[in-house]
Amino acid sequence: MKDIRLFTSQPVAKFYDSLFLRLDLSFVQEPSLEAGLDEEIAYTKELLSVLEEGIAACGDKKIQDLAERIRGLLDTDKIREIRSKDDEDARFGHKTPTSTFYGYKNHLAMAEERLIAGISITPGGEPDGQQLPGLIEKAQKNGIEVTEVIGDMAYVSEDNVDACGEKITLIAKINPAAAAAAEAKLEEGFSFNKDAKMLQCPAGELAMRVEKREAKNGNQYRNYVFSKKKCEKCPLKGQCKVGKWKTHSYSITQAREKNRSRLEFEASEEFQERLKIRHRIEEKNGELKEAHGLGRADSVGLFAMELQMNFTAFVANIKRITKLIALAG
C-alpha cells in the first residue's frame, strides 16, 4: 500500500507538517505498511477530518486544492483506478465482493508430497482458472506425471476440462453459478470470480448483483448486472458486451443436462475423499506468506515478483525435501 499512500495519505500528512504550528490537534495514527486499501482509505478520511478546519483557515490555495483533489480520489470508483507510479504491473483483485487487495497473485501446482511443481504469477485482477493449463504443462516439464488435478471451483471450466482430457481427473467442486459460467463459454475477458462468487468483467470489475430468472421456454438463467457508472467511463466499453448494452448486464443460462454427469461425479465417494486433501495447497500458501515473507512484494514489477516467487518456492522445496529425507531415514 506504500504507493497508494503517495496519492492519498502522504500528501495529507504534508499539510500537517505545514500547519502543525497553527493546529492543536492529535495526529491520527498511521496504519502499518501491511494495511489493506480499506484501512488506508479510512486513515486518509480521518486525517482530512482532523485537519479540515485548519486547511480552510490557512488561506493557502495550493493546500486547499490538494485537499479537494484527495477528497475526490477517495470516491470508491476513483480510488480503484489508482495504480502505483512505480509498479505498473500491479492490479486490484477481489477476495470477496466487498474486499480487495492490490498487487499480484501466485498460482501453484503442488505434488502430493507437498513439493511445488509449477508456478504462475499474474497481476491481482487475473482470473485463477485460466492458469491451470500452463501449471499442468510446467509440472509435466518438471518431471511430474499428472493424473489428477485437485483445486477449488475457479478451475472448473470447459477449457480446463479439455486441457485435462481423459488422462487427467479434475477434482474441483462447483456451485450452480460457477457451473453455469463454465458451460456458457464466456466471452473473452469475462470470468467467474470464485472468491467473490460473482461474474467479473474484462476490466476486473465485479457485477453489482445477480438476478435469477426464468425464460418463457422454461430455461433458468442468471442475469449479472454491472455498474452503469463504471461501464460508461471504462476504456473497454467499446469492445465489451456489457459496455455496449443499455442494461449493462450479462445473462448466463443455468447448467442443465450437459452438466449432470459432472454433478454426479462430485457426489461420488471417490470425489469427496480426494477433495479432502485440497487444504494442503492453502497450507502451502500460508507457509510461503508467513514463514517466507511472500505476503509482501520485495520490489516492483511482475518480473521482480516472479523472481521472488521462484526463489521462495526453491527454499520451501529444499526444506520439504530435507524433511522427507529425515522421515524416510
Protein backbone atom coordinates (compact mmCIF):
# COMPACT_ATOMS: atom_id res chain seq x y z
CA MET A 1 0.00 0.00 0.00
CA LYS A 2 3.04 2.29 0.07
CA ASP A 3 2.44 3.64 -3.42
CA ILE A 4 -1.26 4.23 -2.87
CA ARG A 5 -0.29 6.38 0.08
CA LEU A 6 1.77 8.58 -2.25
CA PHE A 7 -1.55 9.64 -3.79
CA THR A 8 -3.58 9.96 -0.60
CA SER A 9 -2.38 9.97 2.99
CA GLN A 10 1.21 11.13 2.44
CA PRO A 11 0.15 14.42 0.81
CA VAL A 12 -2.32 14.91 3.67
CA ALA A 13 0.48 14.35 6.17
CA LYS A 14 2.41 17.11 4.39
CA PHE A 15 -0.47 19.51 5.17
CA TYR A 16 0.03 18.64 8.79
CA ASP A 17 3.76 19.39 8.60
CA SER A 18 2.98 22.87 7.24
CA LEU A 19 0.10 23.54 9.64
CA PHE A 20 1.19 21.96 12.92
CA LEU A 21 2.32 25.27 14.42
CA ARG A 22 -1.21 26.61 13.99
CA LEU A 23 -3.18 23.48 14.96
CA ASP A 24 -3.62 22.00 18.42
CA LEU A 25 -4.62 18.52 17.20
CA SER A 26 -3.61 14.96 17.95
CA PHE A 27 -2.11 13.29 14.91
CA VAL A 28 -4.04 10.27 13.64
CA GLN A 29 -2.08 7.04 13.99
CA GLU A 30 -0.70 5.93 10.64
CA PRO A 31 -1.56 2.36 9.54
CA SER A 32 1.18 -0.20 9.05
CA LEU A 33 2.79 -0.91 5.68
CA GLU A 34 0.82 -4.18 5.60
CA ALA A 35 -2.50 -2.33 5.90
CA GLY A 36 -5.15 -3.01 3.27
CA LEU A 37 -6.72 -0.47 0.93
CA ASP A 38 -9.81 -0.08 3.15
CA GLU A 39 -7.61 0.83 6.14
CA GLU A 40 -5.67 3.35 4.05
CA ILE A 41 -8.89 4.99 2.83
CA ALA A 42 -10.29 5.16 6.39
CA TYR A 43 -7.00 6.63 7.66
CA THR A 44 -6.92 9.30 4.95
CA LYS A 45 -10.55 10.28 5.58
CA GLU A 46 -9.91 10.58 9.31
CA LEU A 47 -6.78 12.62 8.68
CA LEU A 48 -8.67 15.02 6.41
CA SER A 49 -11.40 15.34 9.01
CA VAL A 50 -8.87 16.22 11.73
CA LEU A 51 -7.23 18.86 9.53
CA GLU A 52 -10.39 20.21 7.89
CA GLU A 53 -10.71 23.48 9.86
CA GLY A 54 -7.01 24.22 9.64
CA ILE A 55 -6.97 23.67 5.88
CA ALA A 56 -9.94 26.00 5.42
CA ALA A 57 -8.38 28.69 7.64
CA CYS A 58 -4.81 28.53 6.37
CA GLY A 59 -5.51 30.58 3.23
CA ASP A 60 -3.04 28.51 1.22
CA LYS A 61 -4.67 27.85 -2.17
CA LYS A 62 -2.27 25.01 -3.04
CA ILE A 63 -3.06 23.14 0.16
CA GLN A 64 -6.80 23.67 -0.25
CA ASP A 65 -6.71 22.49 -3.88
CA LEU A 66 -4.72 19.41 -2.91
CA ALA A 67 -7.19 18.63 -0.13
CA GLU A 68 -10.06 18.86 -2.60
CA ARG A 69 -8.24 16.60 -5.05
CA ILE A 70 -7.67 13.98 -2.38
CA ARG A 71 -11.33 14.11 -1.35
CA GLY A 72 -12.19 13.36 -4.97
CA LEU A 73 -9.76 10.45 -5.08
CA LEU A 74 -11.39 8.92 -2.03
CA ASP A 75 -14.50 8.26 -4.10
CA THR A 76 -14.67 4.45 -4.35
CA ASP A 77 -14.70 4.35 -8.14
CA LYS A 78 -11.75 6.69 -8.48
CA ILE A 79 -9.56 5.10 -5.80
CA ARG A 80 -9.77 1.77 -7.62
CA GLU A 81 -8.31 3.35 -10.75
CA ILE A 82 -5.14 4.44 -8.95
CA ARG A 83 -2.05 2.38 -9.75
CA SER A 84 1.41 2.67 -8.29
CA LYS A 85 3.57 5.23 -10.03
CA ASP A 86 6.45 2.76 -9.79
CA ASP A 87 4.70 -0.58 -10.30
CA GLU A 88 2.67 -0.50 -13.49
CA ASP A 89 2.04 -4.28 -13.44
CA ALA A 90 0.22 -4.49 -10.09
CA ARG A 91 -3.58 -4.55 -10.18
CA PHE A 92 -6.55 -4.71 -7.82
CA GLY A 93 -8.06 -8.12 -7.20
CA HIS A 94 -11.09 -9.34 -5.24
CA LYS A 95 -11.17 -11.74 -2.29
CA THR A 96 -14.86 -11.10 -1.55
CA PRO A 97 -17.48 -8.86 -3.20
CA THR A 98 -16.61 -6.08 -0.72
CA SER A 99 -12.87 -6.51 -0.07
CA THR A 100 -9.94 -6.01 -2.40
CA PHE A 101 -6.18 -6.37 -2.45
CA TYR A 102 -3.57 -4.62 -4.57
CA GLY A 103 -0.66 -6.48 -6.12
CA TYR A 104 -0.17 -9.94 -7.60
CA LYS A 105 -1.44 -13.50 -7.47
CA ASN A 106 0.83 -16.51 -7.16
CA HIS A 107 -0.65 -19.70 -8.61
CA LEU A 108 0.87 -23.05 -7.57
CA ALA A 109 0.88 -26.62 -8.81
CA MET A 110 1.91 -28.91 -5.96
CA ALA A 111 2.68 -32.62 -5.91
CA GLU A 112 1.10 -34.85 -3.28
CA GLU A 113 4.41 -34.82 -1.38
CA ARG A 114 3.84 -31.05 -0.91
CA LEU A 115 6.59 -30.08 -3.33
CA ILE A 116 5.91 -27.10 -5.60
CA ALA A 117 6.00 -28.35 -9.20
CA GLY A 118 4.71 -25.36 -11.18
CA ILE A 119 4.35 -21.61 -10.69
CA SER A 120 2.44 -18.84 -12.44
CA ILE A 121 2.45 -15.18 -11.37
CA THR A 122 -0.20 -12.73 -12.58
CA PRO A 123 -1.47 -9.24 -11.70
CA GLY A 124 -4.09 -9.31 -8.94
CA GLY A 125 -7.09 -8.97 -11.24
CA GLU A 126 -6.40 -12.00 -13.42
CA PRO A 127 -8.81 -14.98 -13.13
CA ASP A 128 -7.37 -18.03 -11.33
CA GLY A 129 -8.87 -20.69 -13.57
CA GLN A 130 -7.08 -19.60 -16.74
CA GLN A 131 -3.72 -20.58 -15.23
CA LEU A 132 -4.48 -24.31 -14.99
CA PRO A 133 -3.30 -25.49 -18.46
CA GLY A 134 0.02 -23.68 -18.00
CA LEU A 135 0.50 -25.09 -14.50
CA ILE A 136 -0.13 -28.63 -15.74
CA GLU A 137 2.42 -28.14 -18.53
CA LYS A 138 5.04 -26.74 -16.14
CA ALA A 139 4.54 -29.62 -13.69
CA GLN A 140 4.94 -32.12 -16.52
CA LYS A 141 8.14 -30.42 -17.71
CA ASN A 142 9.45 -30.70 -14.16
CA GLY A 143 9.03 -34.47 -14.29
CA ILE A 144 5.64 -34.87 -12.62
CA GLU A 145 3.24 -37.41 -14.11
CA VAL A 146 -0.04 -35.51 -13.77
CA THR A 147 -3.01 -37.86 -13.47
CA GLU A 148 -5.20 -35.74 -11.22
CA VAL A 149 -5.81 -32.05 -10.50
CA ILE A 150 -7.35 -31.05 -7.17
CA GLY A 151 -8.47 -27.44 -6.82
CA ASP A 152 -11.34 -25.12 -5.99
CA MET A 153 -14.28 -24.02 -8.11
CA ALA A 154 -12.20 -21.47 -10.05
CA TYR A 155 -10.64 -24.30 -12.05
CA VAL A 156 -13.84 -25.81 -13.40
CA SER A 157 -14.40 -24.55 -16.94
CA GLU A 158 -14.87 -26.06 -20.37
CA ASP A 159 -11.32 -25.07 -21.36
CA ASN A 160 -9.84 -26.69 -18.25
CA VAL A 161 -11.86 -29.87 -18.70
CA ASP A 162 -10.50 -30.02 -22.27
CA ALA A 163 -6.95 -29.36 -21.00
CA CYS A 164 -7.25 -32.26 -18.57
CA GLY A 165 -8.65 -34.56 -21.25
CA GLU A 166 -9.24 -38.22 -20.49
CA LYS A 167 -5.88 -38.82 -18.80
CA ILE A 168 -6.26 -36.24 -16.01
CA THR A 169 -9.12 -36.27 -13.49
CA LEU A 170 -10.29 -32.83 -12.40
CA ILE A 171 -11.28 -32.83 -8.72
CA ALA A 172 -12.90 -29.44 -8.18
CA LYS A 173 -16.33 -28.76 -6.76
CA ILE A 174 -18.56 -26.22 -8.46
CA ASN A 175 -21.62 -24.31 -7.31
CA PRO A 176 -24.58 -23.71 -9.67
CA ALA A 177 -23.38 -20.23 -10.66
CA ALA A 178 -19.89 -21.48 -11.48
CA ALA A 179 -21.35 -24.41 -13.39
CA ALA A 180 -23.46 -22.07 -15.49
CA ALA A 181 -20.48 -19.82 -16.17
CA ALA A 182 -18.30 -22.81 -17.04
CA GLU A 183 -20.82 -24.17 -19.51
CA ALA A 184 -21.67 -20.81 -21.07
CA LYS A 185 -18.30 -20.35 -22.82
CA LEU A 186 -17.93 -16.78 -21.59
CA GLU A 187 -16.85 -14.03 -23.92
CA GLU A 188 -13.15 -13.19 -23.86
CA GLY A 189 -12.12 -11.38 -20.68
CA PHE A 190 -15.15 -12.40 -18.61
CA SER A 191 -14.63 -14.89 -15.80
CA PHE A 192 -16.31 -16.23 -12.68
CA ASN A 193 -14.54 -14.91 -9.56
CA LYS A 194 -14.66 -17.87 -7.19
CA ASP A 195 -13.71 -15.85 -4.09
CA ALA A 196 -16.42 -13.22 -4.57
CA LYS A 197 -18.80 -15.76 -6.17
CA MET A 198 -19.62 -13.21 -8.85
CA LEU A 199 -19.02 -12.60 -12.56
CA GLN A 200 -16.01 -10.41 -13.35
CA CYS A 201 -15.65 -8.25 -16.49
CA PRO A 202 -12.50 -7.74 -18.67
CA ALA A 203 -11.68 -4.57 -16.70
CA GLY A 204 -11.61 -6.55 -13.45
CA GLU A 205 -14.85 -5.15 -12.03
CA LEU A 206 -17.37 -7.42 -10.31
CA ALA A 207 -21.07 -7.41 -11.12
CA MET A 208 -23.07 -5.49 -8.51
CA ARG A 209 -25.73 -8.18 -8.19
CA VAL A 210 -27.11 -11.30 -9.81
CA GLU A 211 -30.78 -11.91 -10.63
CA LYS A 212 -32.19 -15.42 -11.03
CA ARG A 213 -34.80 -15.53 -13.78
CA GLU A 214 -36.81 -17.97 -15.84
CA ALA A 215 -37.34 -17.62 -19.59
CA LYS A 216 -40.64 -18.33 -21.36
CA ASN A 217 -39.25 -21.65 -22.62
CA GLY A 218 -38.66 -22.79 -19.03
CA ASN A 219 -34.88 -22.36 -19.04
CA GLN A 220 -33.43 -20.74 -15.94
CA TYR A 221 -30.67 -18.18 -16.22
CA ARG A 222 -28.66 -15.74 -14.13
CA ASN A 223 -28.54 -12.07 -15.08
CA TYR A 224 -25.39 -10.33 -13.81
CA VAL A 225 -25.84 -6.55 -13.53
CA PHE A 226 -22.78 -4.26 -13.67
CA SER A 227 -22.38 -0.65 -12.55
CA LYS A 228 -23.62 1.76 -15.22
CA LYS A 229 -21.34 4.46 -13.82
CA LYS A 230 -18.24 2.29 -14.12
CA CYS A 231 -19.19 0.97 -17.56
CA GLU A 232 -19.69 4.44 -19.03
CA LYS A 233 -16.17 5.58 -18.16
CA CYS A 234 -14.44 2.23 -18.79
CA PRO A 235 -11.82 2.35 -21.60
CA LEU A 236 -13.01 -1.10 -22.77
CA LYS A 237 -16.69 -0.19 -23.15
CA GLY A 238 -16.48 -0.13 -26.97
CA GLN A 239 -15.18 -3.72 -27.08
CA CYS A 240 -17.22 -5.15 -24.22
CA LYS A 241 -20.62 -6.81 -24.49
CA VAL A 242 -21.82 -5.28 -21.22
CA GLY A 243 -20.49 -1.82 -22.03
CA LYS A 244 -22.41 -1.72 -25.33
CA TRP A 245 -25.77 -2.70 -23.82
CA LYS A 246 -28.02 -0.18 -22.09
CA THR A 247 -28.84 -2.67 -19.35
CA HIS A 248 -25.13 -3.22 -18.56
CA SER A 249 -25.88 -6.86 -17.80
CA TYR A 250 -24.67 -10.32 -18.82
CA SER A 251 -27.03 -13.31 -18.85
CA ILE A 252 -25.91 -16.91 -18.43
CA THR A 253 -28.19 -19.92 -18.86
CA GLN A 254 -28.10 -22.36 -15.96
CA ALA A 255 -26.20 -25.58 -16.48
CA ARG A 256 -28.59 -28.46 -17.13
CA GLU A 257 -28.33 -31.86 -18.85
CA LYS A 258 -24.79 -31.31 -20.09
CA ASN A 259 -23.52 -30.83 -16.55
CA ARG A 260 -25.39 -33.62 -14.80
CA SER A 261 -22.65 -36.21 -15.24
CA ARG A 262 -20.21 -33.78 -13.65
CA LEU A 263 -22.51 -33.21 -10.67
CA GLU A 264 -23.00 -36.97 -10.26
CA PHE A 265 -19.22 -37.41 -10.18
CA GLU A 266 -18.95 -34.72 -7.49
CA ALA A 267 -21.41 -36.66 -5.35
CA SER A 268 -19.32 -39.84 -5.55
CA GLU A 269 -17.34 -41.18 -2.59
CA GLU A 270 -14.13 -41.13 -4.65
CA PHE A 271 -14.51 -37.42 -5.41
CA GLN A 272 -15.32 -36.48 -1.81
CA GLU A 273 -12.38 -38.45 -0.44
CA ARG A 274 -9.83 -36.91 -2.82
CA LEU A 275 -11.18 -33.39 -2.28
CA LYS A 276 -10.28 -33.65 1.42
CA ILE A 277 -6.60 -33.02 0.68
CA ARG A 278 -7.22 -29.71 -1.13
CA HIS A 279 -6.43 -27.86 2.11
CA ARG A 280 -2.75 -28.70 1.56
CA ILE A 281 -2.38 -26.03 -1.12
CA GLU A 282 -3.86 -23.43 1.26
CA GLU A 283 -1.40 -24.54 3.93
CA LYS A 284 1.48 -24.21 1.47
CA ASN A 285 0.34 -20.70 0.52
CA GLY A 286 0.17 -19.83 4.20
CA GLU A 287 3.70 -21.15 4.74
CA LEU A 288 5.06 -19.11 1.83
CA LYS A 289 3.44 -15.94 3.16
CA GLU A 290 4.03 -16.33 6.89
CA ALA A 291 7.38 -18.14 7.04
CA HIS A 292 8.98 -16.74 3.89
CA GLY A 293 7.54 -13.24 3.55
CA LEU A 294 5.66 -13.80 0.31
CA GLY A 295 2.70 -11.80 1.60
CA ARG A 296 4.53 -8.64 0.57
CA ALA A 297 6.44 -7.92 -2.66
CA ASP A 298 10.12 -7.10 -2.09
CA SER A 299 10.33 -4.98 -5.23
CA VAL A 300 8.14 -3.64 -8.05
CA GLY A 301 7.08 -5.16 -11.36
CA LEU A 302 5.86 -8.56 -12.50
CA PHE A 303 9.38 -9.82 -13.26
CA ALA A 304 10.55 -8.96 -9.73
CA MET A 305 7.54 -10.81 -8.30
CA GLU A 306 8.38 -13.83 -10.47
CA LEU A 307 11.95 -13.85 -9.13
CA GLN A 308 10.75 -13.56 -5.53
CA MET A 309 8.23 -16.35 -6.01
CA ASN A 310 10.70 -18.71 -7.67
CA PHE A 311 13.40 -18.20 -5.04
CA THR A 312 10.81 -18.61 -2.27
CA ALA A 313 9.48 -21.82 -3.84
CA PHE A 314 13.04 -23.15 -4.17
CA VAL A 315 13.73 -22.57 -0.46
CA ALA A 316 10.38 -24.10 0.55
CA ASN A 317 11.08 -27.18 -1.59
CA ILE A 318 14.56 -27.63 -0.09
CA LYS A 319 13.02 -27.52 3.39
CA ARG A 320 10.39 -30.06 2.38
CA ILE A 321 12.91 -32.40 0.71
CA THR A 322 15.10 -32.27 3.84
CA LYS A 323 12.10 -33.22 5.97
CA LEU A 324 11.09 -36.06 3.63
CA ILE A 325 14.65 -37.47 3.73
CA ALA A 326 14.61 -37.33 7.53
CA LEU A 327 11.25 -39.10 7.66
CA ALA A 328 12.48 -41.79 5.27
CA GLY A 329 15.64 -42.35 7.30
